[in-house]
Amino acid sequence: MHVRMAFGIVAALAGSAATAQAQDKQRNSEIYHIFDIRTAAAKSAVTKAAEAGLRSNVSDSDITTPIVMGPPPEKPGRMEIVNALDSKSFGGLAGLMSAGQALQFKQARCDGAIWIANANRRVRGSQQLRLTFCLYPYRDGYQLDVYGIDSKERGGGISAMLGRALAETVVGKAGDWTNKTILDVVRSIRNQTQATISYVEGQPEFTGTPWEENDALLPHATEREAR
C-alpha cells in the first residue's frame, strides 16, 4: 500500500510540473454535507433507496455494506476526515507538494456506517470529483454524511478552454452535477421510505429544502460515463 501511495505522490508531482508548463490553473475545494433522516424503515430499504439515487447519476462507484451488529445507538456516528500524508511513513513529503496536491490524499473514514459509497467523475481537462457517502443508523433513523474533493481545471490555451466549453455542453456544468448527485441520493431515500429529512450542516451550505423538489430530469448517459 505504501509503495502504491509513493508512486501516486510522484505522479502528482510530475503532473504539477506539466501543468505549470502549460500555464493551466486548478481550483481545488473540499465539500461536506450532513443530513438527518427520520424514518422507521429497515436498513435494507434505506440502503437500497440510497443506491438507486446514486446509480441514476454515476457509473463509476464502489459500494460497501459493512456488518453493524446490535441495536442502533442513541446518536449517529460521524465521518472522520483523514490524510494519508499524516502517516509517519510519508513524513516530510507534504512539504514538497502544493496545497491542492496534498488535498488529494484526504479521504473520509466511515467507521460504524451501514452503507459506504465512493463515486468518481472525471471529465478530461474540466473536472475531477470524488464523493464519499456514509450512512449511519441511530435510534430515530439515520444520518447521511457526504464528503467530496472537487478539482476544476481553469486557464490553459484556446484548445483547453474550448474543450471545457464543449464538455459542459455535453455533460453539464460541474457544480450542477455535484449537487444533483448528492440531492438525488437524499431524495430517493425520502421518496422510497417516507422519511423526514433535515439539513444539519455543510460547506457550501444548501439553502431551503431542494430534496423536496421532484426533479425528474436524469443526466444524459454521457454524463454518467464521463471519465
Protein backbone atom coordinates (compact mmCIF):
# COMPACT_ATOMS: atom_id res chain seq x y z
CA MET A 1 0.00 0.00 0.00
CA HIS A 2 2.83 2.39 0.89
CA VAL A 3 4.55 1.63 -2.40
CA ARG A 4 1.39 2.48 -4.34
CA MET A 5 0.98 5.67 -2.35
CA ALA A 6 4.58 6.67 -3.08
CA PHE A 7 4.04 6.18 -6.81
CA GLY A 8 0.89 8.29 -6.52
CA ILE A 9 2.83 11.11 -4.88
CA VAL A 10 5.48 11.03 -7.61
CA ALA A 11 2.76 11.10 -10.28
CA ALA A 12 1.08 14.05 -8.59
CA LEU A 13 4.33 15.99 -8.52
CA ALA A 14 5.05 15.16 -12.14
CA GLY A 15 1.58 16.25 -13.13
CA SER A 16 2.12 19.54 -11.37
CA ALA A 17 5.21 20.23 -13.44
CA ALA A 18 3.36 19.51 -16.66
CA THR A 19 0.50 21.75 -15.58
CA ALA A 20 2.86 24.59 -14.79
CA GLN A 21 4.45 24.34 -18.25
CA ALA A 22 1.04 24.63 -19.87
CA GLN A 23 0.13 27.58 -17.59
CA ASP A 24 -3.05 25.84 -16.55
CA LYS A 25 -4.78 26.57 -13.27
CA GLN A 26 -6.60 24.16 -10.99
CA ARG A 27 -9.10 25.12 -8.33
CA ASN A 28 -9.49 22.54 -5.57
CA SER A 29 -12.20 22.57 -2.93
CA GLU A 30 -13.48 20.32 -0.17
CA ILE A 31 -17.20 19.89 0.32
CA TYR A 32 -19.23 18.16 3.01
CA HIS A 33 -22.89 17.81 3.90
CA ILE A 34 -24.75 16.09 6.74
CA PHE A 35 -28.43 15.15 6.56
CA ASP A 36 -30.68 13.85 9.34
CA ILE A 37 -33.11 11.16 8.12
CA ARG A 38 -36.06 10.38 10.40
CA THR A 39 -37.69 7.09 9.40
CA ALA A 40 -38.58 3.71 10.86
CA ALA A 41 -37.67 1.97 7.60
CA ALA A 42 -35.35 -1.04 7.75
CA LYS A 43 -31.67 -0.74 6.90
CA SER A 44 -32.14 -2.71 3.69
CA ALA A 45 -34.85 -0.34 2.46
CA VAL A 46 -32.80 2.78 3.16
CA THR A 47 -29.59 1.47 1.62
CA LYS A 48 -31.49 0.26 -1.45
CA ALA A 49 -33.01 3.71 -1.88
CA ALA A 50 -29.65 5.42 -1.43
CA GLU A 51 -28.03 3.19 -4.03
CA ALA A 52 -30.84 3.85 -6.50
CA GLY A 53 -30.37 7.61 -6.14
CA LEU A 54 -26.63 7.30 -6.69
CA ARG A 55 -26.89 4.88 -9.60
CA SER A 56 -29.04 7.33 -11.57
CA ASN A 57 -26.10 9.73 -11.75
CA VAL A 58 -22.85 7.75 -11.86
CA SER A 59 -21.42 4.62 -13.41
CA ASP A 60 -18.07 4.73 -11.59
CA SER A 61 -18.90 3.84 -8.00
CA ASP A 62 -17.75 1.47 -5.25
CA ILE A 63 -20.38 0.49 -2.68
CA THR A 64 -19.83 -1.39 0.58
CA THR A 65 -22.41 -2.53 3.14
CA PRO A 66 -20.49 -3.40 6.33
CA ILE A 67 -22.00 -5.51 9.10
CA VAL A 68 -23.01 -3.37 12.08
CA MET A 69 -24.32 -5.56 14.92
CA GLY A 70 -26.51 -4.70 17.86
CA PRO A 71 -29.27 -2.12 18.36
CA PRO A 72 -28.76 1.36 16.84
CA PRO A 73 -27.04 3.88 19.13
CA GLU A 74 -28.80 6.87 20.66
CA LYS A 75 -26.77 9.25 18.49
CA PRO A 76 -25.45 8.65 14.96
CA GLY A 77 -21.81 8.27 14.12
CA ARG A 78 -19.94 10.82 12.06
CA MET A 79 -17.37 10.50 9.31
CA GLU A 80 -13.74 11.29 10.08
CA ILE A 81 -11.56 13.11 7.56
CA VAL A 82 -8.03 11.69 7.46
CA ASN A 83 -4.96 12.47 5.39
CA ALA A 84 -2.65 9.65 4.32
CA LEU A 85 0.26 12.11 4.30
CA ASP A 86 -0.02 12.39 8.08
CA SER A 87 1.38 8.87 8.35
CA LYS A 88 4.97 8.65 9.61
CA SER A 89 5.78 6.61 6.53
CA PHE A 90 5.32 9.74 4.40
CA GLY A 91 6.72 12.28 6.83
CA GLY A 92 8.04 15.39 5.08
CA LEU A 93 6.51 14.61 1.67
CA ALA A 94 3.61 17.00 2.23
CA GLY A 95 6.13 19.85 2.24
CA LEU A 96 7.09 19.00 -1.35
CA MET A 97 3.52 19.34 -2.61
CA SER A 98 1.16 22.20 -3.25
CA ALA A 99 -1.92 22.51 -1.07
CA GLY A 100 -4.04 21.23 -3.96
CA GLN A 101 -1.90 18.13 -4.43
CA ALA A 102 -1.87 17.34 -0.70
CA LEU A 103 -5.66 17.67 -0.66
CA GLN A 104 -5.99 14.68 -3.00
CA PHE A 105 -4.70 12.39 -0.23
CA LYS A 106 -7.53 13.25 2.15
CA GLN A 107 -10.42 10.83 2.49
CA ALA A 108 -13.45 10.13 4.66
CA ARG A 109 -13.47 7.22 7.10
CA CYS A 110 -16.93 5.83 7.76
CA ASP A 111 -16.42 3.62 10.81
CA GLY A 112 -19.80 2.37 12.03
CA ALA A 113 -21.65 3.16 8.80
CA ILE A 114 -24.02 0.57 7.30
CA TRP A 115 -23.58 1.87 3.72
CA ILE A 116 -20.46 3.42 2.24
CA ALA A 117 -20.32 4.63 -1.35
CA ASN A 118 -17.46 6.18 -3.28
CA ALA A 119 -18.33 7.88 -6.56
CA ASN A 120 -15.94 9.40 -9.09
CA ARG A 121 -16.37 11.70 -12.03
CA ARG A 122 -13.59 12.57 -14.44
CA VAL A 123 -14.07 14.90 -17.37
CA ARG A 124 -10.76 15.35 -19.17
CA GLY A 125 -9.48 18.91 -18.90
CA SER A 126 -12.51 20.04 -16.90
CA GLN A 127 -13.21 18.30 -13.57
CA GLN A 128 -12.13 15.53 -11.28
CA LEU A 129 -14.57 14.86 -8.45
CA ARG A 130 -14.53 12.26 -5.70
CA LEU A 131 -17.55 11.82 -3.38
CA THR A 132 -17.91 9.57 -0.33
CA PHE A 133 -21.26 8.82 1.30
CA CYS A 134 -21.52 7.36 4.83
CA LEU A 135 -24.92 6.22 6.14
CA TYR A 136 -25.15 5.83 9.92
CA PRO A 137 -28.07 4.25 11.83
CA TYR A 138 -29.30 5.64 15.13
CA ARG A 139 -32.33 5.40 17.41
CA ASP A 140 -34.52 7.85 15.49
CA GLY A 141 -33.46 6.94 11.96
CA TYR A 142 -30.26 7.53 10.02
CA GLN A 143 -27.69 10.17 9.25
CA LEU A 144 -26.07 10.64 5.84
CA ASP A 145 -22.61 12.22 5.76
CA VAL A 146 -21.13 13.29 2.43
CA TYR A 147 -17.53 14.33 1.75
CA GLY A 148 -16.01 15.37 -1.53
CA ILE A 149 -12.93 16.80 -3.21
CA ASP A 150 -13.72 18.80 -6.33
CA SER A 151 -10.87 19.76 -8.67
CA LYS A 152 -11.71 22.02 -11.61
CA GLU A 153 -9.35 22.97 -14.41
CA ARG A 154 -9.05 26.65 -15.33
CA GLY A 155 -6.94 28.65 -17.75
CA GLY A 156 -4.78 27.00 -20.38
CA GLY A 157 -4.77 27.65 -24.09
CA ILE A 158 -7.63 28.15 -26.51
CA SER A 159 -7.93 24.42 -27.15
CA ALA A 160 -8.26 23.71 -23.40
CA MET A 161 -10.94 26.37 -22.95
CA LEU A 162 -12.87 25.15 -25.99
CA GLY A 163 -12.63 21.59 -24.69
CA ARG A 164 -14.14 22.60 -21.34
CA ALA A 165 -16.92 24.55 -23.06
CA LEU A 166 -17.75 21.51 -25.19
CA ALA A 167 -17.69 19.23 -22.15
CA GLU A 168 -20.17 21.46 -20.31
CA THR A 169 -22.43 21.42 -23.35
CA VAL A 170 -22.42 17.62 -23.45
CA VAL A 171 -22.38 16.62 -19.76
CA GLY A 172 -23.50 19.79 -17.98
CA LYS A 173 -21.82 22.14 -15.52
CA ALA A 174 -19.65 20.51 -12.88
CA GLY A 175 -21.31 22.18 -9.90
CA ASP A 176 -24.80 21.24 -11.06
CA TRP A 177 -23.83 17.58 -11.40
CA THR A 178 -22.22 17.52 -7.95
CA ASN A 179 -25.28 18.91 -6.19
CA LYS A 180 -27.69 16.78 -8.19
CA THR A 181 -25.83 13.58 -7.29
CA ILE A 182 -25.95 14.37 -3.58
CA LEU A 183 -29.57 15.53 -3.60
CA ASP A 184 -30.77 12.58 -5.68
CA VAL A 185 -29.49 10.18 -3.02
CA VAL A 186 -31.32 12.13 -0.31
CA ARG A 187 -34.43 12.49 -2.48
CA SER A 188 -34.52 8.79 -3.26
CA ILE A 189 -34.38 7.89 0.44
CA ARG A 190 -37.14 10.38 1.21
CA ASN A 191 -39.43 9.19 -1.57
CA GLN A 192 -38.95 5.46 -1.01
CA THR A 193 -39.06 5.39 2.80
CA GLN A 194 -41.36 8.38 3.54
CA ALA A 195 -38.54 9.83 5.64
CA THR A 196 -38.45 13.31 7.10
CA ILE A 197 -35.19 14.97 6.02
CA SER A 198 -33.48 17.89 7.70
CA TYR A 199 -30.18 19.52 6.85
CA VAL A 200 -27.67 19.51 9.71
CA GLU A 201 -24.69 21.37 8.28
CA GLY A 202 -22.38 21.60 5.32
CA GLN A 203 -19.95 23.54 3.18
CA PRO A 204 -21.05 25.16 0.95
CA GLU A 205 -24.45 25.12 2.62
CA PHE A 206 -27.64 24.07 0.88
CA THR A 207 -30.43 26.60 1.31
CA GLY A 208 -34.06 25.64 1.61
CA THR A 209 -35.13 22.03 1.10
CA PRO A 210 -34.12 21.19 -2.50
CA TRP A 211 -34.52 17.44 -1.84
CA GLU A 212 -38.26 18.02 -1.57
CA GLU A 213 -38.40 19.24 -5.16
CA ASN A 214 -39.32 16.47 -7.58
CA ASP A 215 -36.51 16.72 -10.10
CA ALA A 216 -37.47 14.18 -12.72
CA LEU A 217 -34.65 15.09 -15.09
CA LEU A 218 -31.95 12.45 -15.26
CA PRO A 219 -28.43 13.19 -16.53
CA HIS A 220 -27.54 12.17 -20.03
CA ALA A 221 -25.77 8.80 -20.33
CA THR A 222 -22.57 10.59 -21.36
CA GLU A 223 -22.59 12.42 -18.02
CA ARG A 224 -22.81 9.21 -16.01
CA GLU A 225 -20.00 7.69 -18.04
CA ALA A 226 -17.72 10.74 -18.08
CA ARG A 227 -14.11 9.96 -17.22
